[in-house]
Amino acid sequence: MKTHTHTHTQGPWKAHAAYFFGRDSFQITGTNGDSSPFLCRLTDDTPNFEANARLIAAAPDLLQVARDFLLLAALHDWEGAAIDFAKATVSKAEGNA
């Protein structure tokens, strides 16, 4: 399996319910050694803040799934729109799009 250099905070990321300056919010933290660095915060004045926070927290796992899917596709010579979409998505996540 191809090894990727992480330029982002490695997962897992977690979305935690919080209260921030009088607003309900979710903050997303990552994993970096023994600490959990703050990545971002979404407050209740943001549309769909809770669902968006969960999606953001899943990003490292989703990226890995896309990479694994592309590896499997390459092993089986699969082609098609789903493969192209996965390639474009990984490229976008890696800052190449």
PDB file of N, CA and C in Angstrom:
ATOM      1  N   MET A   1       0.833  -1.177   0.000  1.00  0.00           N
ATOM      2  CA  MET A   1       0.000   0.000   0.000  1.00  0.00           C
ATOM      3  C   MET A   1       0.883   1.247   0.000  1.00  0.00           C
ATOM      4  N   LYS A   2       0.513   2.215  -0.790  1.00  0.00           N
ATOM      5  CA  LYS A   2       1.270   3.445  -0.901  1.00  0.00           C
ATOM      6  C   LYS A   2       1.165   4.248   0.393  1.00  0.00           C
ATOM      7  N   THR A   3       2.299   4.748   0.868  1.00  0.00           N
ATOM      8  CA  THR A   3       2.322   5.574   2.068  1.00  0.00           C
ATOM      9  C   THR A   3       2.176   7.035   1.671  1.00  0.00           C
ATOM     10  N   HIS A   4       1.341   7.745   2.392  1.00  0.00           N
ATOM     11  CA  HIS A   4       1.102   9.155   2.098  1.00  0.00           C
ATOM     12  C   HIS A   4       1.681  10.008   3.215  1.00  0.00           C
ATOM     13  N   THR A   5       2.310  11.090   2.836  1.00  0.00           N
ATOM     14  CA  THR A   5       2.792  12.055   3.808  1.00  0.00           C
ATOM     15  C   THR A   5       1.624  12.956   4.183  1.00  0.00           C
ATOM     16  N   HIS A   6       1.344  13.031   5.458  1.00  0.00           N
ATOM     17  CA  HIS A   6       0.234  13.866   5.921  1.00  0.00           C
ATOM     18  C   HIS A   6       0.708  15.307   6.037  1.00  0.00           C
ATOM     19  N   THR A   7       0.014  16.195   5.365  1.00  0.00           N
ATOM     20  CA  THR A   7       0.284  17.618   5.531  1.00  0.00           C
ATOM     21  C   THR A   7      -0.806  18.249   6.381  1.00  0.00           C
ATOM     22  N   HIS A   8      -1.779  17.445   6.779  1.00  0.00           N
ATOM     23  CA  HIS A   8      -2.841  17.903   7.674  1.00  0.00           C
ATOM     24  C   HIS A   8      -2.659  17.221   9.029  1.00  0.00           C
ATOM     25  N   THR A   9      -3.378  17.693  10.013  1.00  0.00           N
ATOM     26  CA  THR A   9      -3.362  17.036  11.316  1.00  0.00           C
ATOM     27  C   THR A   9      -3.943  15.644  11.141  1.00  0.00           C
ATOM     28  N   GLN A  10      -3.211  14.648  11.584  1.00  0.00           N
ATOM     29  CA  GLN A  10      -3.657  13.273  11.407  1.00  0.00           C
ATOM     30  C   GLN A  10      -4.914  12.997  12.219  1.00  0.00           C
ATOM     31  N   GLY A  11      -5.680  12.032  11.741  1.00  0.00           N
ATOM     32  CA  GLY A  11      -6.880  11.610  12.452  1.00  0.00           C
ATOM     33  C   GLY A  11      -6.524  10.671  13.583  1.00  0.00           C
ATOM     34  N   PRO A  12      -7.474  10.316  14.374  1.00  0.00           N
ATOM     35  CA  PRO A  12      -8.863  10.671  14.184  1.00  0.00           C
ATOM     36  C   PRO A  12      -9.157  12.103  14.614  1.00  0.00           C
ATOM     37  N   TRP A  13     -10.137  12.683  13.969  1.00  0.00           N
ATOM     38  CA  TRP A  13     -10.665  13.976  14.388  1.00  0.00           C
ATOM     39  C   TRP A  13     -11.969  13.715  15.101  1.00  0.00           C
ATOM     40  N   LYS A  14     -12.306  14.583  16.047  1.00  0.00           N
ATOM     41  CA  LYS A  14     -13.533  14.411  16.822  1.00  0.00           C
ATOM     42  C   LYS A  14     -14.296  15.725  16.885  1.00  0.00           C
ATOM     43  N   ALA A  15     -15.609  15.621  16.844  1.00  0.00           N
ATOM     44  CA  ALA A  15     -16.489  16.775  17.022  1.00  0.00           C
ATOM     45  C   ALA A  15     -17.057  16.704  18.431  1.00  0.00           C
ATOM     46  N   HIS A  16     -16.849  17.766  19.198  1.00  0.00           N
ATOM     47  CA  HIS A  16     -17.299  17.815  20.577  1.00  0.00           C
ATOM     48  C   HIS A  16     -18.326  18.930  20.747  1.00  0.00           C
ATOM     49  N   ALA A  17     -19.445  18.622  21.390  1.00  0.00           N
ATOM     50  CA  ALA A  17     -20.410  19.669  21.719  1.00  0.00           C
ATOM     51  C   ALA A  17     -19.745  20.603  22.730  1.00  0.00           C
ATOM     52  N   ALA A  18     -19.965  21.893  22.555  1.00  0.00           N
ATOM     53  CA  ALA A  18     -19.346  22.890  23.436  1.00  0.00           C
ATOM     54  C   ALA A  18     -20.270  24.095  23.548  1.00  0.00           C
ATOM     55  N   TYR A  19     -19.921  24.974  24.437  1.00  0.00           N
ATOM     56  CA  TYR A  19     -20.632  26.234  24.607  1.00  0.00           C
ATOM     57  C   TYR A  19     -19.586  27.324  24.465  1.00  0.00           C
ATOM     58  N   PHE A  20     -19.755  28.219  23.504  1.00  0.00           N
ATOM     59  CA  PHE A  20     -18.722  29.203  23.172  1.00  0.00           C
ATOM     60  C   PHE A  20     -19.331  30.598  23.110  1.00  0.00           C
ATOM     61  N   PHE A  21     -18.950  31.453  24.032  1.00  0.00           N
ATOM     62  CA  PHE A  21     -19.436  32.829  24.090  1.00  0.00           C
ATOM     63  C   PHE A  21     -20.956  32.910  23.949  1.00  0.00           C
ATOM     64  N   GLY A  22     -21.647  32.101  24.740  1.00  0.00           N
ATOM     65  CA  GLY A  22     -23.097  32.150  24.773  1.00  0.00           C
ATOM     66  C   GLY A  22     -23.791  31.424  23.641  1.00  0.00           C
ATOM     67  N   ARG A  23     -23.058  30.654  22.872  1.00  0.00           N
ATOM     68  CA  ARG A  23     -23.646  29.944  21.729  1.00  0.00           C
ATOM     69  C   ARG A  23     -23.345  28.454  21.842  1.00  0.00           C
ATOM     70  N   ASP A  24     -24.344  27.644  21.478  1.00  0.00           N
ATOM     71  CA  ASP A  24     -24.070  26.218  21.321  1.00  0.00           C
ATOM     72  C   ASP A  24     -23.135  26.059  20.130  1.00  0.00           C
ATOM     73  N   SER A  25     -22.218  25.136  20.242  1.00  0.00           N
ATOM     74  CA  SER A  25     -21.262  24.949  19.156  1.00  0.00           C
ATOM     75  C   SER A  25     -20.734  23.519  19.163  1.00  0.00           C
ATOM     76  N   PHE A  26     -20.024  23.206  18.104  1.00  0.00           N
ATOM     77  CA  PHE A  26     -19.242  21.982  18.029  1.00  0.00           C
ATOM     78  C   PHE A  26     -17.837  22.404  17.659  1.00  0.00           C
ATOM     79  N   GLN A  27     -16.860  21.872  18.380  1.00  0.00           N
ATOM     80  CA  GLN A  27     -15.478  22.142  18.004  1.00  0.00           C
ATOM     81  C   GLN A  27     -14.852  20.840  17.551  1.00  0.00           C
ATOM     82  N   ILE A  28     -13.998  20.962  16.554  1.00  0.00           N
ATOM     83  CA  ILE A  28     -13.340  19.798  15.983  1.00  0.00           C
ATOM     84  C   ILE A  28     -11.893  19.816  16.443  1.00  0.00           C
ATOM     85  N   THR A  29     -11.460  18.690  16.990  1.00  0.00           N
ATOM     86  CA  THR A  29     -10.080  18.539  17.424  1.00  0.00           C
ATOM     87  C   THR A  29      -9.465  17.359  16.692  1.00  0.00           C
ATOM     88  N   GLY A  30      -8.162  17.403  16.558  1.00  0.00           N
ATOM     89  CA  GLY A  30      -7.434  16.336  15.887  1.00  0.00           C
ATOM     90  C   GLY A  30      -6.509  15.633  16.848  1.00  0.00           C
ATOM     91  N   THR A  31      -5.667  14.790  16.299  1.00  0.00           N
ATOM     92  CA  THR A  31      -4.708  14.049  17.104  1.00  0.00           C
ATOM     93  C   THR A  31      -3.312  14.420  16.632  1.00  0.00           C
ATOM     94  N   ASN A  32      -2.487  14.769  17.554  1.00  0.00           N
ATOM     95  CA  ASN A  32      -1.116  15.130  17.232  1.00  0.00           C
ATOM     96  C   ASN A  32      -0.248  14.689  18.400  1.00  0.00           C
ATOM     97  N   GLY A  33       0.199  13.439  18.357  1.00  0.00           N
ATOM     98  CA  GLY A  33       0.975  12.918  19.477  1.00  0.00           C
ATOM     99  C   GLY A  33       0.086  12.757  20.698  1.00  0.00           C
ATOM    100  N   ASP A  34       0.486  13.369  21.802  1.00  0.00           N
ATOM    101  CA  ASP A  34      -0.262  13.248  23.044  1.00  0.00           C
ATOM    102  C   ASP A  34      -1.279  14.367  23.230  1.00  0.00           C
ATOM    103  N   SER A  35      -1.382  15.281  22.280  1.00  0.00           N
ATOM    104  CA  SER A  35      -2.294  16.404  22.446  1.00  0.00           C
ATOM    105  C   SER A  35      -3.421  16.317  21.427  1.00  0.00           C
ATOM    106  N   SER A  36      -4.464  17.067  21.656  1.00  0.00           N
ATOM    107  CA  SER A  36      -5.589  17.148  20.724  1.00  0.00           C
ATOM    108  C   SER A  36      -5.738  18.596  20.296  1.00  0.00           C
ATOM    109  N   PRO A  37      -5.085  18.997  19.202  1.00  0.00           N
ATOM    110  CA  PRO A  37      -5.137  20.391  18.792  1.00  0.00           C
ATOM    111  C   PRO A  37      -6.523  20.785  18.277  1.00  0.00           C
ATOM    112  N   PHE A  38      -6.887  22.006  18.582  1.00  0.00           N
ATOM    113  CA  PHE A  38      -8.127  22.582  18.086  1.00  0.00           C
ATOM    114  C   PHE A  38      -7.994  22.814  16.587  1.00  0.00           C
ATOM    115  N   LEU A  39      -8.975  22.390  15.817  1.00  0.00           N
ATOM    116  CA  LEU A  39      -8.942  22.577  14.372  1.00  0.00           C
ATOM    117  C   LEU A  39      -9.926  23.647  13.923  1.00  0.00           C
ATOM    118  N   CYS A  40     -11.172  23.574  14.395  1.00  0.00           N
ATOM    119  CA  CYS A  40     -12.150  24.594  14.032  1.00  0.00           C
ATOM    120  C   CYS A  40     -13.361  24.498  14.943  1.00  0.00           C
ATOM    121  N   ARG A  41     -14.226  25.509  14.855  1.00  0.00           N
ATOM    122  CA  ARG A  41     -15.440  25.552  15.653  1.00  0.00           C
ATOM    123  C   ARG A  41     -16.582  26.031  14.773  1.00  0.00           C
ATOM    124  N   LEU A  42     -17.713  25.377  14.903  1.00  0.00           N
ATOM    125  CA  LEU A  42     -18.926  25.807  14.225  1.00  0.00           C
ATOM    126  C   LEU A  42     -19.963  26.132  15.300  1.00  0.00           C
ATOM    127  N   THR A  43     -20.580  27.285  15.193  1.00  0.00           N
ATOM    128  CA  THR A  43     -21.576  27.692  16.183  1.00  0.00           C
ATOM    129  C   THR A  43     -22.977  27.576  15.614  1.00  0.00           C
ATOM    130  N   ASP A  44     -23.949  27.677  16.512  1.00  0.00           N
ATOM    131  CA  ASP A  44     -25.340  27.459  16.116  1.00  0.00           C
ATOM    132  C   ASP A  44     -25.895  28.531  15.182  1.00  0.00           C
ATOM    133  N   ASP A  45     -25.117  29.560  14.872  1.00  0.00           N
ATOM    134  CA  ASP A  45     -25.556  30.526  13.868  1.00  0.00           C
ATOM    135  C   ASP A  45     -25.096  30.111  12.463  1.00  0.00           C
ATOM    136  N   THR A  46     -24.408  28.967  12.378  1.00  0.00           N
ATOM    137  CA  THR A  46     -23.981  28.385  11.105  1.00  0.00           C
ATOM    138  C   THR A  46     -25.027  27.347  10.697  1.00  0.00           C
ATOM    139  N   PRO A  47     -25.564  27.437   9.483  1.00  0.00           N
ATOM    140  CA  PRO A  47     -26.558  26.433   9.077  1.00  0.00           C
ATOM    141  C   PRO A  47     -26.005  25.009   9.215  1.00  0.00           C
ATOM    142  N   ASN A  48     -26.808  24.133   9.788  1.00  0.00           N
ATOM    143  CA  ASN A  48     -26.458  22.706   9.918  1.00  0.00           C
ATOM    144  C   ASN A  48     -25.140  22.488  10.650  1.00  0.00           C
ATOM    145  N   PHE A  49     -24.866  23.306  11.662  1.00  0.00           N
ATOM    146  CA  PHE A  49     -23.550  23.276  12.320  1.00  0.00           C
ATOM    147  C   PHE A  49     -23.194  21.915  12.893  1.00  0.00           C
ATOM    148  N   GLU A  50     -24.150  21.208  13.457  1.00  0.00           N
ATOM    149  CA  GLU A  50     -23.833  19.912  14.053  1.00  0.00           C
ATOM    150  C   GLU A  50     -23.490  18.871  12.977  1.00  0.00           C
ATOM    151  N   ALA A  51     -24.287  18.795  11.927  1.00  0.00           N
ATOM    152  CA  ALA A  51     -24.019  17.843  10.838  1.00  0.00           C
ATOM    153  C   ALA A  51     -22.714  18.191  10.126  1.00  0.00           C
ATOM    154  N   ASN A  52     -22.461  19.474   9.914  1.00  0.00           N
ATOM    155  CA  ASN A  52     -21.211  19.883   9.268  1.00  0.00           C
ATOM    156  C   ASN A  52     -20.009  19.539  10.134  1.00  0.00           C
ATOM    157  N   ALA A  53     -20.127  19.698  11.442  1.00  0.00           N
ATOM    158  CA  ALA A  53     -19.021  19.355  12.343  1.00  0.00           C
ATOM    159  C   ALA A  53     -18.716  17.862  12.282  1.00  0.00           C
ATOM    160  N   ARG A  54     -19.753  17.040  12.237  1.00  0.00           N
ATOM    161  CA  ARG A  54     -19.529  15.586  12.140  1.00  0.00           C
ATOM    162  C   ARG A  54     -18.854  15.228  10.817  1.00  0.00           C
ATOM    163  N   LEU A  55     -19.270  15.881   9.733  1.00  0.00           N
ATOM    164  CA  LEU A  55     -18.656  15.616   8.427  1.00  0.00           C
ATOM    165  C   LEU A  55     -17.190  16.040   8.421  1.00  0.00           C
ATOM    166  N   ILE A  56     -16.889  17.202   8.959  1.00  0.00           N
ATOM    167  CA  ILE A  56     -15.501  17.667   9.032  1.00  0.00           C
ATOM    168  C   ILE A  56     -14.664  16.688   9.855  1.00  0.00           C
ATOM    169  N   ALA A  57     -15.204  16.233  10.987  1.00  0.00           N
ATOM    170  CA  ALA A  57     -14.467  15.301  11.846  1.00  0.00           C
ATOM    171  C   ALA A  57     -14.193  13.973  11.140  1.00  0.00           C
ATOM    172  N   ALA A  58     -15.033  13.593  10.192  1.00  0.00           N
ATOM    173  CA  ALA A  58     -14.853  12.334   9.454  1.00  0.00           C
ATOM    174  C   ALA A  58     -13.873  12.469   8.290  1.00  0.00           C
ATOM    175  N   ALA A  59     -13.429  13.678   7.981  1.00  0.00           N
ATOM    176  CA  ALA A  59     -12.613  13.921   6.789  1.00  0.00           C
ATOM    177  C   ALA A  59     -11.372  13.029   6.676  1.00  0.00           C
ATOM    178  N   PRO A  60     -10.548  12.867   7.706  1.00  0.00           N
ATOM    179  CA  PRO A  60      -9.373  11.995   7.531  1.00  0.00           C
ATOM    180  C   PRO A  60      -9.748  10.549   7.200  1.00  0.00           C
ATOM    181  N   ASP A  61     -10.821  10.056   7.811  1.00  0.00           N
ATOM    182  CA  ASP A  61     -11.258   8.691   7.528  1.00  0.00           C
ATOM    183  C   ASP A  61     -11.796   8.575   6.104  1.00  0.00           C
ATOM    184  N   LEU A  62     -12.551   9.569   5.665  1.00  0.00           N
ATOM    185  CA  LEU A  62     -13.093   9.556   4.309  1.00  0.00           C
ATOM    186  C   LEU A  62     -11.977   9.620   3.266  1.00  0.00           C
ATOM    187  N   LEU A  63     -10.950  10.406   3.550  1.00  0.00           N
ATOM    188  CA  LEU A  63      -9.809  10.477   2.646  1.00  0.00           C
ATOM    189  C   LEU A  63      -9.127   9.114   2.546  1.00  0.00           C
ATOM    190  N   GLN A  64      -8.972   8.444   3.665  1.00  0.00           N
ATOM    191  CA  GLN A  64      -8.337   7.122   3.646  1.00  0.00           C
ATOM    192  C   GLN A  64      -9.188   6.115   2.882  1.00  0.00           C
ATOM    193  N   VAL A  65     -10.506   6.179   3.046  1.00  0.00           N
ATOM    194  CA  VAL A  65     -11.399   5.290   2.301  1.00  0.00           C
ATOM    195  C   VAL A  65     -11.231   5.516   0.800  1.00  0.00           C
ATOM    196  N   ALA A  66     -11.172   6.783   0.389  1.00  0.00           N
ATOM    197  CA  ALA A  66     -11.002   7.086  -1.039  1.00  0.00           C
ATOM    198  C   ALA A  66      -9.671   6.556  -1.546  1.00  0.00           C
ATOM    199  N   ARG A  67      -8.612   6.721  -0.767  1.00  0.00           N
ATOM    200  CA  ARG A  67      -7.302   6.200  -1.175  1.00  0.00           C
ATOM    201  C   ARG A  67      -7.323   4.679  -1.282  1.00  0.00           C
ATOM    202  N   ASP A  68      -7.948   4.019  -0.314  1.00  0.00           N
ATOM    203  CA  ASP A  68      -8.033   2.557  -0.338  1.00  0.00           C
ATOM    204  C   ASP A  68      -8.865   2.081  -1.530  1.00  0.00           C
ATOM    205  N   PHE A  69      -9.944   2.797  -1.823  1.00  0.00           N
ATOM    206  CA  PHE A  69     -10.780   2.463  -2.982  1.00  0.00           C
ATOM    207  C   PHE A  69      -9.966   2.564  -4.270  1.00  0.00           C
ATOM    208  N   LEU A  70      -9.148   3.607  -4.393  1.00  0.00           N
ATOM    209  CA  LEU A  70      -8.333   3.769  -5.601  1.00  0.00           C
ATOM    210  C   LEU A  70      -7.275   2.678  -5.713  1.00  0.00           C
ATOM    211  N   LEU A  71      -6.733   2.262  -4.597  1.00  0.00           N
ATOM    212  CA  LEU A  71      -5.769   1.155  -4.614  1.00  0.00           C
ATOM    213  C   LEU A  71      -6.448  -0.126  -5.092  1.00  0.00           C
ATOM    214  N   LEU A  72      -7.626  -0.410  -4.572  1.00  0.00           N
ATOM    215  CA  LEU A  72      -8.379  -1.582  -4.994  1.00  0.00           C
ATOM    216  C   LEU A  72      -8.742  -1.494  -6.477  1.00  0.00           C
ATOM    217  N   ALA A  73      -9.136  -0.309  -6.917  1.00  0.00           N
ATOM    218  CA  ALA A  73      -9.487  -0.109  -8.326  1.00  0.00           C
ATOM    219  C   ALA A  73      -8.284  -0.356  -9.226  1.00  0.00           C
ATOM    220  N   ALA A  74      -7.115   0.097  -8.803  1.00  0.00           N
ATOM    221  CA  ALA A  74      -5.905  -0.113  -9.601  1.00  0.00           C
ATOM    222  C   ALA A  74      -5.548  -1.596  -9.674  1.00  0.00           C
ATOM    223  N   LEU A  75      -5.731  -2.317  -8.579  1.00  0.00           N
ATOM    224  CA  LEU A  75      -5.428  -3.746  -8.567  1.00  0.00           C
ATOM    225  C   LEU A  75      -6.333  -4.537  -9.510  1.00  0.00           C
ATOM    226  N   HIS A  76      -7.555  -4.054  -9.711  1.00  0.00           N
ATOM    227  CA  HIS A  76      -8.532  -4.774 -10.539  1.00  0.00           C
ATOM    228  C   HIS A  76      -8.777  -4.098 -11.894  1.00  0.00           C
ATOM    229  N   ASP A  77      -7.975  -3.085 -12.201  1.00  0.00           N
ATOM    230  CA  ASP A  77      -8.109  -2.359 -13.466  1.00  0.00           C
ATOM    231  C   ASP A  77      -9.524  -1.810 -13.680  1.00  0.00           C
ATOM    232  N   TRP A  78     -10.132  -1.345 -12.601  1.00  0.00           N
ATOM    233  CA  TRP A  78     -11.456  -0.751 -12.714  1.00  0.00           C
ATOM    234  C   TRP A  78     -11.337   0.634 -13.318  1.00  0.00           C
ATOM    235  N   GLU A  79     -12.323   1.012 -14.082  1.00  0.00           N
ATOM    236  CA  GLU A  79     -12.389   2.340 -14.667  1.00  0.00           C
ATOM    237  C   GLU A  79     -13.818   2.850 -14.540  1.00  0.00           C
ATOM    238  N   GLY A  80     -13.982   4.144 -14.695  1.00  0.00           N
ATOM    239  CA  GLY A  80     -15.328   4.688 -14.707  1.00  0.00           C
ATOM    240  C   GLY A  80     -15.446   5.980 -13.931  1.00  0.00           C
ATOM    241  N   ALA A  81     -16.666   6.470 -13.890  1.00  0.00           N
ATOM    242  CA  ALA A  81     -16.941   7.768 -13.265  1.00  0.00           C
ATOM    243  C   ALA A  81     -16.616   7.768 -11.780  1.00  0.00           C
ATOM    244  N   ALA A  82     -16.906   6.668 -11.083  1.00  0.00           N
ATOM    245  CA  ALA A  82     -16.624   6.615  -9.646  1.00  0.00           C
ATOM    246  C   ALA A  82     -15.124   6.698  -9.379  1.00  0.00           C
ATOM    247  N   ILE A  83     -14.327   6.059 -10.219  1.00  0.00           N
ATOM    248  CA  ILE A  83     -12.871   6.105 -10.069  1.00  0.00           C
ATOM    249  C   ILE A  83     -12.384   7.521 -10.331  1.00  0.00           C
ATOM    250  N   ASP A  84     -12.881   8.142 -11.392  1.00  0.00           N
ATOM    251  CA  ASP A  84     -12.491   9.515 -11.717  1.00  0.00           C
ATOM    252  C   ASP A  84     -12.863  10.469 -10.596  1.00  0.00           C
ATOM    253  N   PHE A  85     -14.054  10.277 -10.027  1.00  0.00           N
ATOM    254  CA  PHE A  85     -14.508  11.131  -8.932  1.00  0.00           C
ATOM    255  C   PHE A  85     -13.628  10.945  -7.696  1.00  0.00           C
ATOM    256  N   ALA A  86     -13.287   9.705  -7.386  1.00  0.00           N
ATOM    257  CA  ALA A  86     -12.420   9.439  -6.235  1.00  0.00           C
ATOM    258  C   ALA A  86     -11.043  10.064  -6.431  1.00  0.00           C
ATOM    259  N   LYS A  87     -10.501   9.963  -7.647  1.00  0.00           N
ATOM    260  CA  LYS A  87      -9.201  10.583  -7.940  1.00  0.00           C
ATOM    261  C   LYS A  87      -9.264  12.096  -7.750  1.00  0.00           C
ATOM    262  N   ALA A  88     -10.321  12.707  -8.284  1.00  0.00           N
ATOM    263  CA  ALA A  88     -10.471  14.163  -8.167  1.00  0.00           C
ATOM    264  C   ALA A  88     -10.654  14.577  -6.709  1.00  0.00           C
ATOM    265  N   THR A  89     -11.362  13.769  -5.943  1.00  0.00           N
ATOM    266  CA  THR A  89     -11.588  14.081  -4.532  1.00  0.00           C
ATOM    267  C   THR A  89     -10.296  14.001  -3.722  1.00  0.00           C
ATOM    268  N   VAL A  90      -9.511  12.966  -3.944  1.00  0.00           N
ATOM    269  CA  VAL A  90      -8.234  12.840  -3.252  1.00  0.00           C
ATOM    270  C   VAL A  90      -7.310  13.980  -3.663  1.00  0.00           C
ATOM    271  N   SER A  91      -7.276  14.290  -4.934  1.00  0.00           N
ATOM    272  CA  SER A  91      -6.457  15.393  -5.418  1.00  0.00           C
ATOM    273  C   SER A  91      -6.866  16.712  -4.755  1.00  0.00           C
ATOM    274  N   LYS A  92      -8.156  16.937  -4.651  1.00  0.00           N
ATOM    275  CA  LYS A  92      -8.668  18.145  -3.994  1.00  0.00           C
ATOM    276  C   LYS A  92      -8.242  18.190  -2.525  1.00  0.00           C
ATOM    277  N   ALA A  93      -8.372  17.075  -1.836  1.00  0.00           N
ATOM    278  CA  ALA A  93      -7.984  17.020  -0.429  1.00  0.00           C
ATOM    279  C   ALA A  93      -6.486  17.255  -0.228  1.00  0.00           C
ATOM    280  N   GLU A  94      -5.698  16.838  -1.195  1.00  0.00           N
ATOM    281  CA  GLU A  94      -4.246  16.994  -1.092  1.00  0.00           C
ATOM    282  C   GLU A  94      -3.768  18.339  -1.633  1.00  0.00           C
ATOM    283  N   GLY A  95      -4.700  19.186  -2.082  1.00  0.00           N
ATOM    284  CA  GLY A  95      -4.335  20.522  -2.555  1.00  0.00           C
ATOM    285  C   GLY A  95      -3.854  20.552  -3.978  1.00  0.00           C
ATOM    286  N   ASN A  96      -4.183  19.548  -4.764  1.00  0.00           N
ATOM    287  CA  ASN A  96      -3.718  19.466  -6.135  1.00  0.00           C
ATOM    288  C   ASN A  96      -4.806  19.808  -7.148  1.00  0.00           C
ATOM    289  N   ALA A  97      -5.969  20.164  -6.679  1.00  0.00           N
ATOM    290  CA  ALA A  97      -7.078  20.451  -7.610  1.00  0.00           C
ATOM    291  C   ALA A  97      -7.238  21.941  -7.820  1.00  0.00           C
TER     292      ALA A  97
END
